[in-house]
């Protein structure tokens, strides 16, 4: 079973999209484990990764890059 995302907005967007981590990884062109690490808070995304994942999940609001949303 895949771990839950750390951010509730990402969790909701992932659920609404019906995407798995593997499918999301395919959409953004990243390894599945990298997407899991970012979404679960195990690693911090780059700004480009953050924007790519947000776009793929349909998150269009200007999300602050602090706390759980911090980037490298």
C-alpha atoms as a PDB file:
ATOM      1  CA  UNK A   1       0.000   0.000   0.000  1.00  0.00           C
ATOM      2  CA  UNK A   2       1.323   3.429  -0.937  1.00  0.00           C
ATOM      3  CA  UNK A   3       2.014   5.902   1.868  1.00  0.00           C
ATOM      4  CA  UNK A   4      -0.275   8.907   2.300  1.00  0.00           C
ATOM      5  CA  UNK A   5       0.879  12.350   1.166  1.00  0.00           C
ATOM      6  CA  UNK A   6       2.015  14.721   3.913  1.00  0.00           C
ATOM      7  CA  UNK A   7       0.046  17.679   2.523  1.00  0.00           C
ATOM      8  CA  UNK A   8      -3.755  17.488   2.684  1.00  0.00           C
ATOM      9  CA  UNK A   9      -4.074  19.457  -0.574  1.00  0.00           C
ATOM     10  CA  UNK A  10      -1.864  16.939  -2.376  1.00  0.00           C
ATOM     11  CA  UNK A  11      -3.744  14.041  -0.789  1.00  0.00           C
ATOM     12  CA  UNK A  12      -7.064  15.489  -1.946  1.00  0.00           C
ATOM     13  CA  UNK A  13      -5.797  16.291  -5.434  1.00  0.00           C
ATOM     14  CA  UNK A  14      -4.285  12.829  -5.800  1.00  0.00           C
ATOM     15  CA  UNK A  15      -7.559  11.229  -4.731  1.00  0.00           C
ATOM     16  CA  UNK A  16      -9.667  13.446  -7.027  1.00  0.00           C
ATOM     17  CA  UNK A  17      -7.377  12.779  -9.984  1.00  0.00           C
ATOM     18  CA  UNK A  18      -7.535   9.030  -9.491  1.00  0.00           C
ATOM     19  CA  UNK A  19      -3.802   8.857 -10.192  1.00  0.00           C
ATOM     20  CA  UNK A  20      -1.437   6.464  -8.492  1.00  0.00           C
ATOM     21  CA  UNK A  21       2.069   7.574  -7.575  1.00  0.00           C
ATOM     22  CA  UNK A  22       3.286   5.616 -10.616  1.00  0.00           C
ATOM     23  CA  UNK A  23       0.878   7.403 -12.956  1.00  0.00           C
ATOM     24  CA  UNK A  24       1.737  10.787 -11.434  1.00  0.00           C
ATOM     25  CA  UNK A  25       5.430   9.998 -11.869  1.00  0.00           C
ATOM     26  CA  UNK A  26       4.774   9.196 -15.522  1.00  0.00           C
ATOM     27  CA  UNK A  27       2.987  12.517 -16.020  1.00  0.00           C
ATOM     28  CA  UNK A  28       5.861  14.524 -14.569  1.00  0.00           C
ATOM     29  CA  UNK A  29       8.683  12.391 -15.965  1.00  0.00           C
ATOM     30  CA  UNK A  30      10.178  11.438 -12.616  1.00  0.00           C
ATOM     31  CA  UNK A  31      10.869   8.097 -10.944  1.00  0.00           C
ATOM     32  CA  UNK A  32       7.961   6.824  -8.846  1.00  0.00           C
ATOM     33  CA  UNK A  33      10.101   6.671  -5.695  1.00  0.00           C
ATOM     34  CA  UNK A  34      11.079  10.329  -6.147  1.00  0.00           C
ATOM     35  CA  UNK A  35       7.408  11.326  -6.357  1.00  0.00           C
ATOM     36  CA  UNK A  36       6.605   9.259  -3.258  1.00  0.00           C
ATOM     37  CA  UNK A  37       9.512  10.826  -1.364  1.00  0.00           C
ATOM     38  CA  UNK A  38       8.349  14.336  -2.259  1.00  0.00           C
ATOM     39  CA  UNK A  39       4.646  13.744  -1.595  1.00  0.00           C
ATOM     40  CA  UNK A  40       5.228  12.061   1.753  1.00  0.00           C
ATOM     41  CA  UNK A  41       7.735  14.653   2.937  1.00  0.00           C
ATOM     42  CA  UNK A  42      10.702  12.270   2.966  1.00  0.00           C
ATOM     43  CA  UNK A  43      12.559  14.659   0.634  1.00  0.00           C
ATOM     44  CA  UNK A  44      12.219  18.270  -0.467  1.00  0.00           C
ATOM     45  CA  UNK A  45      11.344  19.001  -4.103  1.00  0.00           C
ATOM     46  CA  UNK A  46      13.156  21.465  -6.291  1.00  0.00           C
ATOM     47  CA  UNK A  47      11.093  24.443  -7.404  1.00  0.00           C
ATOM     48  CA  UNK A  48      10.665  22.821 -10.825  1.00  0.00           C
ATOM     49  CA  UNK A  49       9.493  19.527  -9.287  1.00  0.00           C
ATOM     50  CA  UNK A  50       7.051  21.383  -7.037  1.00  0.00           C
ATOM     51  CA  UNK A  51       5.529  23.252  -9.988  1.00  0.00           C
ATOM     52  CA  UNK A  52       5.415  20.127 -12.160  1.00  0.00           C
ATOM     53  CA  UNK A  53       3.654  18.040  -9.509  1.00  0.00           C
ATOM     54  CA  UNK A  54       1.212  20.831  -8.671  1.00  0.00           C
ATOM     55  CA  UNK A  55       0.361  21.267 -12.344  1.00  0.00           C
ATOM     56  CA  UNK A  56      -0.092  17.523 -12.915  1.00  0.00           C
ATOM     57  CA  UNK A  57      -2.452  17.400  -9.927  1.00  0.00           C
ATOM     58  CA  UNK A  58      -4.424  20.440 -11.046  1.00  0.00           C
ATOM     59  CA  UNK A  59      -3.309  22.553  -8.095  1.00  0.00           C
ATOM     60  CA  UNK A  60      -3.356  26.047  -9.548  1.00  0.00           C
ATOM     61  CA  UNK A  61      -3.392  28.209  -6.424  1.00  0.00           C
ATOM     62  CA  UNK A  62      -0.194  30.046  -5.575  1.00  0.00           C
ATOM     63  CA  UNK A  63       1.052  27.753  -2.814  1.00  0.00           C
ATOM     64  CA  UNK A  64       3.580  29.272  -0.393  1.00  0.00           C
ATOM     65  CA  UNK A  65       6.912  27.466  -0.399  1.00  0.00           C
ATOM     66  CA  UNK A  66       7.231  27.161   3.381  1.00  0.00           C
ATOM     67  CA  UNK A  67       6.744  24.319   5.852  1.00  0.00           C
ATOM     68  CA  UNK A  68       5.499  21.192   4.087  1.00  0.00           C
ATOM     69  CA  UNK A  69       5.647  23.118   0.796  1.00  0.00           C
ATOM     70  CA  UNK A  70       9.286  24.217   1.042  1.00  0.00           C
ATOM     71  CA  UNK A  71      11.517  23.701  -1.983  1.00  0.00           C
ATOM     72  CA  UNK A  72      15.281  23.335  -2.390  1.00  0.00           C
END
